């Protein structure tokens, strides 16, 4: 080998090493990307599954708390009946209560 061929061989060898390093880095990046895509798909699948589960639980809750169902169970299984009479409403006059309180205080002093 002559002196002039050594720098060309060195540059060629250096270029081959750089291409190899670049290829290895690009393959590594591609593998990491594919792994991230697979992980993303798995998480999306799990999210979809949990969303469906939430919808199912909401439907079950609405079914369990429906007034008709509660009334049906209360009447058939527990023997309860619905109160038909209107509730009793008690009203009072606060001024009259104050007057009575003052009168009682004077009386028992």
Protein backbone atom coordinates (compact mmCIF):
# COMPACT_ATOMS: atom_id res chain seq x y z
CA UNK A 1 0.00 0.00 0.00
CA UNK A 2 1.21 3.39 -0.83
CA UNK A 3 0.92 6.47 1.27
CA UNK A 4 -1.93 7.90 -0.75
CA UNK A 5 -4.22 4.88 -0.22
CA UNK A 6 -4.07 4.99 3.62
CA UNK A 7 -6.24 8.11 4.06
CA UNK A 8 -8.79 6.75 1.58
CA UNK A 9 -8.96 3.42 3.46
CA UNK A 10 -9.26 5.27 6.76
CA UNK A 11 -12.08 7.48 5.46
CA UNK A 12 -13.85 4.45 3.95
CA UNK A 13 -13.55 2.54 7.22
CA UNK A 14 -14.78 5.57 9.19
CA UNK A 15 -17.69 6.01 6.78
CA UNK A 16 -18.63 2.32 7.16
CA UNK A 17 -18.53 2.64 10.96
CA UNK A 18 -20.73 5.76 10.85
CA UNK A 19 -23.25 4.06 8.54
CA UNK A 20 -23.32 1.01 10.84
CA UNK A 21 -23.85 3.21 13.93
CA UNK A 22 -26.57 5.16 12.12
CA UNK A 23 -28.31 1.93 11.04
CA UNK A 24 -28.15 0.51 14.58
CA UNK A 25 -29.50 3.74 16.08
CA UNK A 26 -32.34 3.90 13.56
CA UNK A 27 -33.26 0.23 14.22
CA UNK A 28 -33.19 0.91 17.97
CA UNK A 29 -35.43 3.95 17.58
CA UNK A 30 -37.80 1.98 15.34
CA UNK A 31 -38.05 -0.81 17.95
CA UNK A 32 -38.73 1.69 20.73
CA UNK A 33 -41.40 3.33 18.58
CA UNK A 34 -43.10 0.00 17.84
CA UNK A 35 -42.99 -0.88 21.53
CA UNK A 36 -44.58 2.48 22.41
CA UNK A 37 -47.29 1.93 19.78
CA UNK A 38 -48.07 -1.53 21.19
CA UNK A 39 -48.21 -0.12 24.72
CA UNK A 40 -50.50 2.70 23.53
CA UNK A 41 -52.83 0.18 21.89
CA UNK A 42 -52.95 -1.91 25.07
CA UNK A 43 -53.77 1.16 27.17
CA UNK A 44 -56.46 2.25 24.70
CA UNK A 45 -57.97 -1.24 24.83
CA UNK A 46 -57.97 -1.14 28.64
CA UNK A 47 -59.54 2.34 28.59
CA UNK A 48 -62.28 1.12 26.27
CA UNK A 49 -62.90 -1.87 28.53
CA UNK A 50 -63.12 0.33 31.64
CA UNK A 51 -65.46 2.74 29.85
CA UNK A 52 -67.76 -0.15 28.92
CA UNK A 53 -67.62 -1.38 32.53
CA UNK A 54 -68.54 2.09 33.79
CA UNK A 55 -71.51 2.26 31.41
CA UNK A 56 -72.65 -1.20 32.54
CA UNK A 57 -72.38 -0.24 36.22
CA UNK A 58 -74.30 3.00 35.59
CA UNK A 59 -77.08 1.04 33.91
CA UNK A 60 -77.19 -1.43 36.82
CA UNK A 61 -77.33 1.45 39.30
CA UNK A 62 -80.19 3.11 37.44
CA UNK A 63 -82.05 -0.20 37.32
CA UNK A 64 -81.50 -0.82 41.04
CA UNK A 65 -82.59 2.67 42.09
CA UNK A 66 -85.66 2.93 39.85
CA UNK A 67 -88.72 4.00 41.84
CA UNK A 68 -90.92 1.29 40.33
CA UNK A 69 -88.50 -1.46 41.36
CA UNK A 70 -88.13 -0.10 44.90
CA UNK A 71 -91.90 0.25 45.27
CA UNK A 72 -92.41 -3.28 43.93
CA UNK A 73 -89.90 -4.81 46.36
CA UNK A 74 -91.23 -2.77 49.29
CA UNK A 75 -94.80 -3.86 48.66
CA UNK A 76 -94.24 -7.53 47.74
CA UNK A 77 -91.30 -8.59 49.88
CA UNK A 78 -91.59 -6.25 52.85
CA UNK A 79 -95.35 -5.77 52.93
CA UNK A 80 -95.09 -1.99 53.02
CA UNK A 81 -97.81 0.27 51.66
CA UNK A 82 -97.63 3.73 50.25
CA UNK A 83 -99.00 6.49 52.48
CA UNK A 84 -102.01 7.91 50.69
CA UNK A 85 -102.99 10.59 53.21
CA UNK A 86 -101.52 14.04 52.94
CA UNK A 87 -98.92 14.86 55.56
CA UNK A 88 -99.97 16.93 58.56
CA UNK A 89 -98.70 20.49 58.38
CA UNK A 90 -98.17 22.29 61.66
CA UNK A 91 -97.92 26.07 61.62
CA UNK A 92 -97.24 28.40 64.51
CA UNK A 93 -96.97 32.09 65.15
CA UNK A 94 -93.54 32.99 66.50
CA UNK A 95 -94.80 36.20 68.13
CA UNK A 96 -97.43 34.27 70.03
CA UNK A 97 -94.79 31.77 71.19
CA UNK A 98 -92.62 34.64 72.47
CA UNK A 99 -95.56 36.15 74.35
CA UNK A 100 -96.34 32.82 76.03
CA UNK A 101 -92.68 32.36 76.99
CA UNK A 102 -92.57 35.82 78.58
CA UNK A 103 -95.79 35.14 80.46
CA UNK A 104 -94.43 31.82 81.78
CA UNK A 105 -91.20 33.48 82.92
CA UNK A 106 -93.16 36.15 84.83
CA UNK A 107 -95.41 33.53 86.35
CA UNK A 108 -92.59 31.30 87.66
CA UNK A 109 -90.22 34.02 88.84
